[in-house]
Protein backbone atom coordinates (compact mmCIF):
# COMPACT_ATOMS: atom_id res chain seq x y z
CA MET A 1 90.19 98.82 59.28
CA GLU A 2 92.46 96.53 57.28
CA SER A 3 92.62 92.98 58.60
CA LYS A 4 96.11 91.50 59.04
CA LYS A 5 96.67 87.74 58.70
CA LEU A 6 99.02 86.05 61.11
CA GLY A 7 99.08 82.28 60.70
CA LYS A 8 95.87 80.77 62.10
CA ILE A 9 94.50 84.15 63.17
CA SER A 10 93.71 87.55 61.74
CA TYR A 11 93.41 90.83 63.59
CA GLU A 12 92.34 94.39 62.99
CA LEU A 13 92.52 97.60 64.99
CA ILE A 14 89.32 98.75 66.66
CA THR A 15 88.45 102.16 68.09
CA ASP A 16 87.99 102.50 71.85
CA PRO A 17 87.63 106.16 72.93
CA THR A 18 87.94 105.27 76.64
CA THR A 19 91.63 104.37 76.49
CA ALA A 20 94.90 105.23 74.79
CA LEU A 21 95.75 101.53 74.62
CA LYS A 22 95.61 100.14 71.08
CA LYS A 23 92.75 97.62 70.98
CA ILE A 24 92.29 94.88 68.39
CA SER A 25 89.75 92.29 67.38
CA ILE A 26 91.33 88.85 66.93
CA THR A 27 89.64 86.29 64.66
CA ASN A 28 90.30 82.55 64.60
CA ASN A 29 90.40 81.83 60.88
CA ALA A 30 89.21 78.23 61.30
CA SER A 31 86.24 78.78 63.62
CA ASN A 32 85.60 82.44 62.72
CA SER A 33 85.28 83.19 66.44
CA THR A 34 86.50 86.59 67.68
CA ARG A 35 87.91 88.05 70.85
CA LYS A 36 89.39 91.37 71.90
CA GLY A 37 93.03 92.03 72.60
CA THR A 38 95.67 94.73 72.74
CA ILE A 39 98.66 95.35 70.53
CA PHE A 40 102.04 96.87 71.41
CA LYS A 41 104.87 98.10 69.19
CA ALA A 42 108.04 96.17 70.06
CA ASP A 43 111.05 94.49 68.55
CA TYR A 44 111.39 90.73 68.76
CA ASP A 45 113.79 90.80 71.72
CA ASP A 46 111.36 92.91 73.74
CA TYR A 47 108.54 90.49 72.82
CA ILE A 48 110.57 87.55 74.12
CA ARG A 49 111.57 89.42 77.27
CA GLN A 50 107.97 90.36 78.07
CA SER A 51 106.86 86.77 77.36
CA VAL A 52 109.33 85.31 79.86
CA PHE A 53 107.52 87.14 82.67
CA ASN A 54 104.48 84.97 81.88
CA ASP A 55 106.50 81.96 83.05
CA ILE A 56 106.75 83.41 86.58
CA GLU A 57 103.92 81.85 88.55
CA ASN A 58 101.35 84.33 89.96
CA SER A 59 103.18 87.29 88.40
CA ASN A 60 99.92 88.85 87.13
CA THR A 61 101.76 90.06 84.04
CA LEU A 62 100.26 90.77 80.64
CA ARG A 63 99.54 87.52 78.77
CA ILE A 64 101.47 87.65 75.50
CA LEU A 65 99.85 85.86 72.54
CA CYS A 66 102.14 86.09 69.52
CA TYR A 67 104.47 88.31 67.51
CA ASP A 68 103.76 90.00 64.20
CA GLU A 69 107.19 90.31 62.61
CA ASN A 70 105.90 92.15 59.54
CA HIS A 71 104.51 95.01 61.63
CA GLY A 72 106.96 94.94 64.59
CA SER A 73 104.25 94.33 67.19
CA PHE A 74 103.11 91.72 69.66
CA LEU A 75 99.52 90.76 70.39
CA ALA A 76 98.35 90.33 73.98
CA GLU A 77 95.26 89.77 76.11
CA ASP A 78 92.58 92.42 76.26
CA LEU A 79 93.14 95.27 78.71
CA THR A 80 90.48 97.76 79.76
CA CYS A 81 92.58 100.85 80.44
CA THR A 82 95.68 102.19 82.13
CA LEU A 83 95.75 102.89 85.87
CA GLU A 84 95.58 106.65 85.30
CA GLU A 85 92.56 106.24 82.99
CA TRP A 86 90.82 104.10 85.60
CA LEU A 87 91.36 106.79 88.24
CA GLU A 88 89.87 109.41 85.94
CA GLN A 89 86.86 107.17 85.25
CA LYS A 90 86.32 106.66 88.99
CA LEU A 91 86.57 110.39 89.57
CA ILE A 92 83.90 111.26 87.01
CA GLY A 93 81.70 108.30 87.95
CA ASN A 94 78.45 107.97 86.01
CA GLY A 95 78.28 111.70 85.37
CA HIS A 96 79.28 113.71 82.33
CA ARG A 97 82.85 114.96 82.01
CA SER A 98 81.53 118.50 82.48
CA MET A 99 80.88 117.52 86.12
CA ARG A 100 84.58 116.77 86.73
CA SER A 101 85.34 120.05 88.51
CA GLN A 102 82.34 119.66 90.79
CA ARG A 103 83.30 116.08 91.60
CA ILE A 104 86.80 117.23 92.55
CA ARG A 105 85.36 119.93 94.82
CA ASP A 106 83.05 117.42 96.49
CA TYR A 107 85.84 114.94 97.15
CA CYS A 108 88.23 117.66 98.36
CA ASP A 109 85.77 119.25 100.79
CA ILE A 110 87.96 119.84 103.86
CA THR A 111 84.92 120.01 106.17
CA LYS A 112 84.45 116.26 105.77
CA LYS A 113 86.09 114.17 108.46
CA ASP A 114 86.58 111.12 106.26
CA MET A 115 87.87 110.78 102.73
CA ASP A 116 84.81 109.80 100.66
CA TRP A 117 87.11 109.11 97.72
CA VAL A 118 88.88 106.33 99.62
CA LYS A 119 85.59 104.74 100.65
CA ASP A 120 84.28 104.91 97.07
CA ILE A 121 87.31 103.24 95.51
CA MET A 122 88.24 100.75 98.27
CA ASN A 123 86.78 97.60 96.67
CA ASP A 124 88.38 98.32 93.30
CA PHE A 125 91.58 99.45 95.04
CA ASN A 126 91.90 96.05 96.72
CA ASN A 127 91.34 94.23 93.43
CA VAL A 128 93.66 96.37 91.32
CA LEU A 129 96.51 97.24 93.68
CA GLY A 130 96.22 93.90 95.51
CA SER A 131 96.93 91.90 92.36
CA ILE A 132 99.73 94.32 91.42
CA THR A 133 101.36 93.88 94.83
CA ASP A 134 101.04 90.08 94.69
CA GLY A 135 102.43 90.02 91.16
CA LEU A 136 105.37 92.22 92.08
CA GLY A 137 106.14 89.94 95.02
CA ALA A 138 106.16 86.91 92.71
CA ILE A 139 108.51 88.68 90.27
CA HIS A 140 110.88 89.61 93.09
CA ARG A 141 110.92 86.08 94.50
CA ALA A 142 111.90 84.90 91.00
CA LYS A 143 114.95 87.21 91.33
CA ALA A 144 113.65 89.62 88.70
CA VAL A 145 112.48 93.24 88.65
CA HIS A 146 109.73 95.13 86.87
CA GLY A 147 111.82 98.25 86.33
CA ASN A 148 109.04 100.51 85.04
CA LEU A 149 106.16 100.28 87.49
CA LEU A 150 105.01 103.91 87.22
CA GLU A 151 104.31 103.33 83.51
CA GLY A 152 103.58 99.63 83.76
CA VAL A 153 100.19 99.07 85.43
CA ALA A 154 96.98 98.43 83.50
CA VAL A 155 93.47 97.46 84.56
CA LYS A 156 91.53 94.49 83.21
CA SER A 157 87.80 93.98 83.64
CA THR A 158 86.67 90.35 83.86
CA ARG A 159 83.33 88.62 84.24
CA SER A 160 82.63 84.92 84.51
CA PRO A 161 79.29 83.42 83.42
CA LEU A 162 78.25 83.15 87.09
CA MET A 163 79.09 86.76 87.96
CA VAL A 164 76.48 89.51 87.89
CA LYS A 165 79.04 92.32 87.96
CA SER A 166 82.47 92.45 86.41
CA THR A 167 85.53 92.64 88.64
CA LEU A 168 88.75 94.52 88.09
CA LYS A 169 92.28 93.19 88.23
CA GLY A 170 95.61 94.96 88.03
CA ILE A 171 97.93 93.75 85.30
CA LEU A 172 101.67 94.40 85.14
CA PHE A 173 103.00 95.23 81.68
CA ASN A 174 105.71 97.29 79.94
CA MET A 175 108.44 95.72 82.07
CA LYS A 176 112.02 96.94 81.61
CA GLY A 177 113.67 94.27 83.75
CA ASP A 178 115.00 91.11 82.13
CA PRO A 179 114.24 87.85 83.97
CA ARG A 180 116.42 85.94 81.47
CA LYS A 181 119.61 87.21 83.09
CA GLU A 182 121.17 84.15 84.70
CA VAL A 183 123.92 86.08 86.50
CA VAL A 184 122.92 89.17 88.43
CA PRO A 185 125.81 91.40 89.60
CA ARG A 186 126.38 90.91 93.31
CA GLY A 187 124.39 93.37 95.39
CA SER A 188 122.49 94.90 92.45
CA LEU A 189 119.19 93.01 92.68
CA ALA A 190 117.96 94.19 96.09
CA PRO A 191 118.37 97.93 95.27
CA GLN A 192 116.53 97.45 91.95
CA GLN A 193 113.70 95.65 93.75
CA SER A 194 113.62 98.48 96.29
CA ASP A 195 113.14 100.90 93.39
CA ASP A 196 110.11 98.82 92.33
CA ILE A 197 108.67 99.03 95.85
CA ASP A 198 109.33 102.75 96.06
CA ASN A 199 107.37 103.12 92.82
CA LEU A 200 104.59 100.95 94.26
CA LYS A 201 104.41 103.30 97.24
CA THR A 202 104.14 106.24 94.83
CA LEU A 203 101.27 104.51 93.00
CA VAL A 204 99.41 103.77 96.24
CA ARG A 205 99.65 107.41 97.28
CA ARG A 206 98.56 108.49 93.78
CA VAL A 207 95.45 106.33 93.98
CA PHE A 208 94.50 107.47 97.48
CA PHE A 209 95.03 111.17 96.79
CA TYR A 210 93.99 111.40 93.14
CA PRO A 211 91.23 114.07 93.48
CA TYR A 212 93.52 116.24 95.62
CA GLU A 213 96.45 115.94 93.21
CA VAL A 214 94.44 116.77 90.07
CA SER A 215 92.69 119.69 91.73
CA ASN A 216 93.70 123.11 90.43
CA PRO A 217 95.74 124.05 92.37
CA PRO A 218 96.68 120.69 93.98
CA ILE A 219 95.50 120.31 97.59
CA GLN A 220 97.73 118.93 100.31
CA ARG A 221 95.94 116.34 102.44
CA SER A 222 97.41 114.32 105.29
CA PHE A 223 97.06 110.58 105.05
CA LEU A 224 94.44 108.86 107.18
CA ARG A 225 96.31 107.11 109.97
CA VAL A 226 94.58 103.73 109.49
CA TYR A 227 95.41 103.50 105.77
CA ASP A 228 98.92 104.76 106.41
CA LYS A 229 99.61 101.93 108.84
CA LEU A 230 97.88 99.30 106.71
CA CYS A 231 100.04 99.84 103.66
CA LEU A 232 102.45 102.78 103.39
CA LYS A 233 104.31 102.12 106.65
CA GLN A 234 104.83 98.49 105.69
CA LEU A 235 106.24 99.59 102.35
CA GLN A 236 108.42 102.19 104.04
CA SER A 237 109.72 99.58 106.48
CA ARG A 238 110.69 97.42 103.50
CA LEU A 239 112.45 100.40 101.93
CA SER A 240 114.37 101.33 105.07
CA THR A 241 117.14 98.91 104.05
CA ARG A 242 117.79 98.74 100.31
CA THR A 243 119.74 95.50 100.75
CA THR A 244 116.66 93.60 101.95
CA GLU A 245 116.01 90.63 99.65
CA ALA A 246 112.71 89.10 98.62
CA GLY A 247 111.96 85.89 100.50
CA THR A 248 113.47 87.11 103.78
CA ILE A 249 111.20 87.84 106.74
CA LYS A 250 111.44 91.59 106.24
CA GLY A 251 111.19 91.29 102.47
CA THR A 252 108.05 89.14 102.69
CA TRP A 253 106.38 91.34 105.31
CA GLY A 254 107.04 94.44 103.19
CA LEU A 255 104.70 93.20 100.45
CA LYS A 256 102.12 91.35 102.57
CA LEU A 257 100.14 94.55 102.94
CA ALA A 258 97.45 94.29 105.61
CA ILE A 259 95.06 96.50 103.65
CA PHE A 260 94.56 93.61 101.20
CA TRP A 261 93.99 90.85 103.76
CA PRO A 262 90.62 89.06 103.66
CA GLN A 263 88.70 88.63 106.91
CA LYS A 264 90.05 85.17 107.62
CA GLU A 265 93.64 86.34 107.32
CA GLN A 266 92.94 89.36 109.53
CA ILE A 267 91.48 87.11 112.24
CA VAL A 268 94.33 84.60 112.12
CA PHE A 269 96.92 87.39 112.27
CA MET A 270 95.29 89.28 115.13
CA SER A 271 94.77 86.08 117.12
CA ARG A 272 98.38 85.12 116.58
CA VAL A 273 99.71 88.56 117.55
CA TYR A 274 97.47 88.53 120.64
CA ARG A 275 99.22 85.34 121.75
CA LEU A 276 102.59 86.83 120.84
CA ILE A 277 102.04 90.01 122.87
CA TYR A 278 100.37 88.56 125.94
CA HIS A 279 102.13 85.22 126.29
CA GLU A 280 105.36 85.09 124.30
CA LEU A 281 106.90 88.54 124.67
CA PRO A 282 106.97 88.43 128.50
CA LYS A 283 108.74 85.08 128.31
CA HIS A 284 111.22 85.86 125.52
CA CYS A 285 111.75 89.61 126.01
CA GLY A 286 110.93 90.06 129.68
CA SER A 287 108.15 92.56 128.93
CA ASN A 288 105.49 93.54 126.41
CA LEU A 289 105.26 97.17 127.52
CA PHE A 290 107.22 98.41 124.51
CA VAL A 291 104.20 97.80 122.22
CA VAL A 292 101.57 99.39 124.49
CA LYS A 293 102.17 102.80 122.87
CA TYR A 294 100.60 101.61 119.62
CA PHE A 295 97.19 101.09 121.26
CA ARG A 296 96.03 104.65 121.80
CA ASP A 297 92.37 104.62 122.85
CA TRP A 298 92.38 104.85 126.64
CA ASN A 299 88.58 105.27 126.76
CA TRP A 300 87.80 102.18 124.72
CA THR A 301 85.91 100.59 127.63
CA THR A 302 83.39 103.43 127.62
CA LYS A 303 82.61 102.75 123.96
CA VAL A 304 81.81 99.14 124.85
CA THR A 305 79.90 99.65 128.12
CA THR A 306 77.70 102.31 126.51
CA HIS A 307 77.23 100.43 123.24
CA GLU A 308 73.66 99.63 122.19
CA ASP A 309 74.53 96.00 121.48
CA LYS A 310 74.01 93.94 124.63
CA VAL A 311 76.14 91.09 123.22
CA LEU A 312 79.24 93.28 123.30
CA ARG A 313 78.50 94.43 126.83
CA ASP A 314 77.96 90.83 127.95
CA VAL A 315 81.36 89.79 126.62
CA PHE A 316 82.96 92.77 128.31
CA TYR A 317 81.61 91.80 131.72
CA PHE A 318 82.10 88.09 131.16
CA ASN A 319 85.16 86.91 133.07
CA HIS A 320 86.49 85.04 130.07
CA GLY A 321 84.68 81.71 130.65
CA LYS A 322 86.53 78.43 130.30
CA VAL A 323 89.99 78.23 128.91
CA GLY A 324 90.29 76.00 125.85
CA GLU A 325 92.14 72.73 126.11
CA GLU A 326 94.68 73.93 123.60
CA GLU A 327 95.89 76.73 125.89
CA GLU A 328 99.23 76.22 127.56
CA GLU A 329 99.64 76.27 131.33
CA GLU A 330 101.18 79.74 131.44
CA GLU A 331 98.25 81.05 129.42
CA GLU A 332 95.84 79.57 131.94
CA GLU A 333 97.68 81.33 134.75
CA GLU A 334 97.56 84.60 132.84
CA GLU A 335 93.83 84.29 132.26
CA GLU A 336 93.26 83.53 135.93
CA LYS A 337 94.86 86.88 136.69
CA GLU A 338 92.68 88.56 134.08
CA LYS A 339 89.50 87.15 135.63
CA LYS A 340 90.11 88.94 138.91
CA GLU A 341 89.99 92.40 137.39
CA PRO A 342 89.33 92.38 133.64
CA TYR A 343 90.32 95.48 131.67
CA ASN A 344 91.64 97.33 134.73
CA LYS A 345 91.84 100.99 133.77
CA VAL A 346 94.66 101.61 136.23
CA SER A 347 96.84 99.03 134.48
CA ARG A 348 99.62 100.17 132.19
CA TRP A 349 98.27 97.64 129.69
CA HIS A 350 94.75 99.09 129.67
CA SER A 351 94.81 100.59 126.15
CA MET A 352 96.30 97.36 124.79
CA ASP A 353 93.55 95.33 126.48
CA LYS A 354 91.32 96.41 123.62
CA LEU A 355 93.05 93.58 121.72
CA ARG A 356 92.24 91.17 124.54
CA PHE A 357 88.59 92.26 124.39
CA TRP A 358 88.59 91.59 120.62
CA ARG A 359 90.00 88.11 121.25
CA ASN A 360 87.30 87.40 123.85
CA CYS A 361 84.63 88.44 121.35
CA ILE A 362 86.11 86.08 118.77
CA GLU A 363 86.21 83.24 121.31
CA HIS A 364 83.00 83.83 123.27
CA MET A 365 80.52 86.05 121.42
CA ASP A 366 77.58 84.19 119.93
CA LEU A 367 75.80 85.90 117.05
CA ASP A 368 73.38 83.17 116.04
CA LYS A 369 76.37 80.84 115.63
CA SER A 370 77.36 82.77 112.55
CA GLY A 371 81.08 82.34 113.12
CA ASN A 372 84.09 84.54 113.72
CA ASN A 373 83.71 86.78 110.67
CA ARG A 374 80.64 88.59 112.00
CA ASN A 375 82.15 88.84 115.47
CA HIS A 376 85.27 90.35 113.96
CA ASP A 377 83.28 92.82 111.86
CA LYS A 378 81.18 93.89 114.83
CA VAL A 379 84.19 94.71 116.99
CA LEU A 380 86.04 96.52 114.18
CA LYS A 381 83.01 98.75 113.65
CA VAL A 382 83.50 99.91 117.24
CA PHE A 383 87.31 100.04 116.92
CA PRO A 384 88.11 100.56 113.21
CA GLU A 385 91.71 101.39 114.13
CA LEU A 386 92.42 98.08 115.91
CA LEU A 387 93.81 96.08 112.96
CA ALA A 388 96.14 98.95 112.08
CA GLU A 389 97.34 99.14 115.70
CA VAL A 390 98.05 95.40 115.77
CA VAL A 391 99.97 95.68 112.49
CA GLU A 392 102.03 98.58 113.81
CA ALA A 393 102.80 96.72 117.06
CA PHE A 394 103.94 93.66 115.10
CA GLN A 395 106.11 95.87 112.93
CA GLU A 396 107.86 97.04 116.10
CA ILE A 397 108.46 93.43 117.15
CA LEU A 398 109.60 92.24 113.70
CA PRO A 399 113.26 93.41 113.67
CA ARG A 400 114.09 92.56 117.31
CA ASN A 401 116.65 89.77 117.63
CA ASP A 402 115.18 88.59 120.95
CA CYS A 403 111.80 88.11 119.22
CA ARG A 404 113.02 86.31 116.10
CA THR A 405 111.79 82.87 117.19
CA CYS A 406 108.34 84.31 117.89
CA VAL A 407 108.22 86.17 114.58
CA VAL A 408 109.23 83.06 112.63
CA SER A 409 106.42 81.19 114.39
CA VAL A 410 103.91 83.86 113.33
CA PHE A 411 105.08 83.57 109.71
CA LYS A 412 104.58 79.80 109.83
CA ASP A 413 101.09 80.14 111.28
CA MET A 414 100.20 82.65 108.54
CA HIS A 415 101.77 80.34 105.89
CA TRP A 416 104.01 83.19 104.80
CA ASP A 417 107.11 81.03 105.22
CA ASN A 418 106.18 79.15 102.03
CA LEU A 419 106.22 82.24 99.81
């Protein structure tokens, strides 16, 4: 390939059969060191417009390097592949492409209770779609839009010297929005941002259902309830009002998707919503019964009392121990009531008391003093739906005017008010 000189660097096209992206090798003319990159056809105005997105902090947008005026192209950081190419690579796995049809049949086997595809891609899904969601949120808070999300997501593979395996990251590129616009027509920004989020929802569904959609003929598959509540319903809630602006409570919640939360954030959120449901709603709203419907497992106590792990059973029968000094007086009174008949199956709150049991495990269960993370994991293995139920209950509370003070307090405790 012919090498092209561009000031202090030179570059040449290289062949990469795994992607349709145009890859280049960039050479520093002084040190003779090389690195990989990508190249995109664009006029100078488009180059500038794409570059401005790099100035938005945490936007996870393609890093633009320089412009080649002679060839009408800009040089950028190295990308591994497009989102669609990544999905195809995950589908085939380590096998030969001739195995594609068999892989689709295996993943689409309707006799399987769970979606193996989702389990196989979940780690990469969190890395790729998580960074895309965070980047889109940053762009929206900067009063800008992507404008081309369905054709504007790439995947980058990175590895630091200390890492054994490479990790993936989603990169936003090919933006059609223009963050340089100083004056946005009144009322036009929120609908455009809603279009971005609607496209994000489409991408999430595409990733989760990829084997079913590329099957011949395509196979309809209902969404697993847990994943639906941990991402799609939050996105749909954000889309329910196209005038919702980024930075508002509803706008922030709509892109803080629970499916991407690390353990620590899950624990803080669930602990905070426990306090909200059991102690704040009765005081501010007069009742917490309106969220009971989201906790559906009436026989949860049987799962615990028959569980092989004695530690879980001990916590279940433990009458909650001492109340921490940080608890308020009304919380102490509430716990005194709970001690008399913990997890009463006759109570209207019984199904929701699964959350109270989780909280008691976090507070009282001792697994070799290994901390809350293992306690949390152990309980969620018994009740994998619990986080999704808590998220759905909070989503019911979120828009209520009589709960606004409580919701604002939750946002502060989660440090979402600083976004």
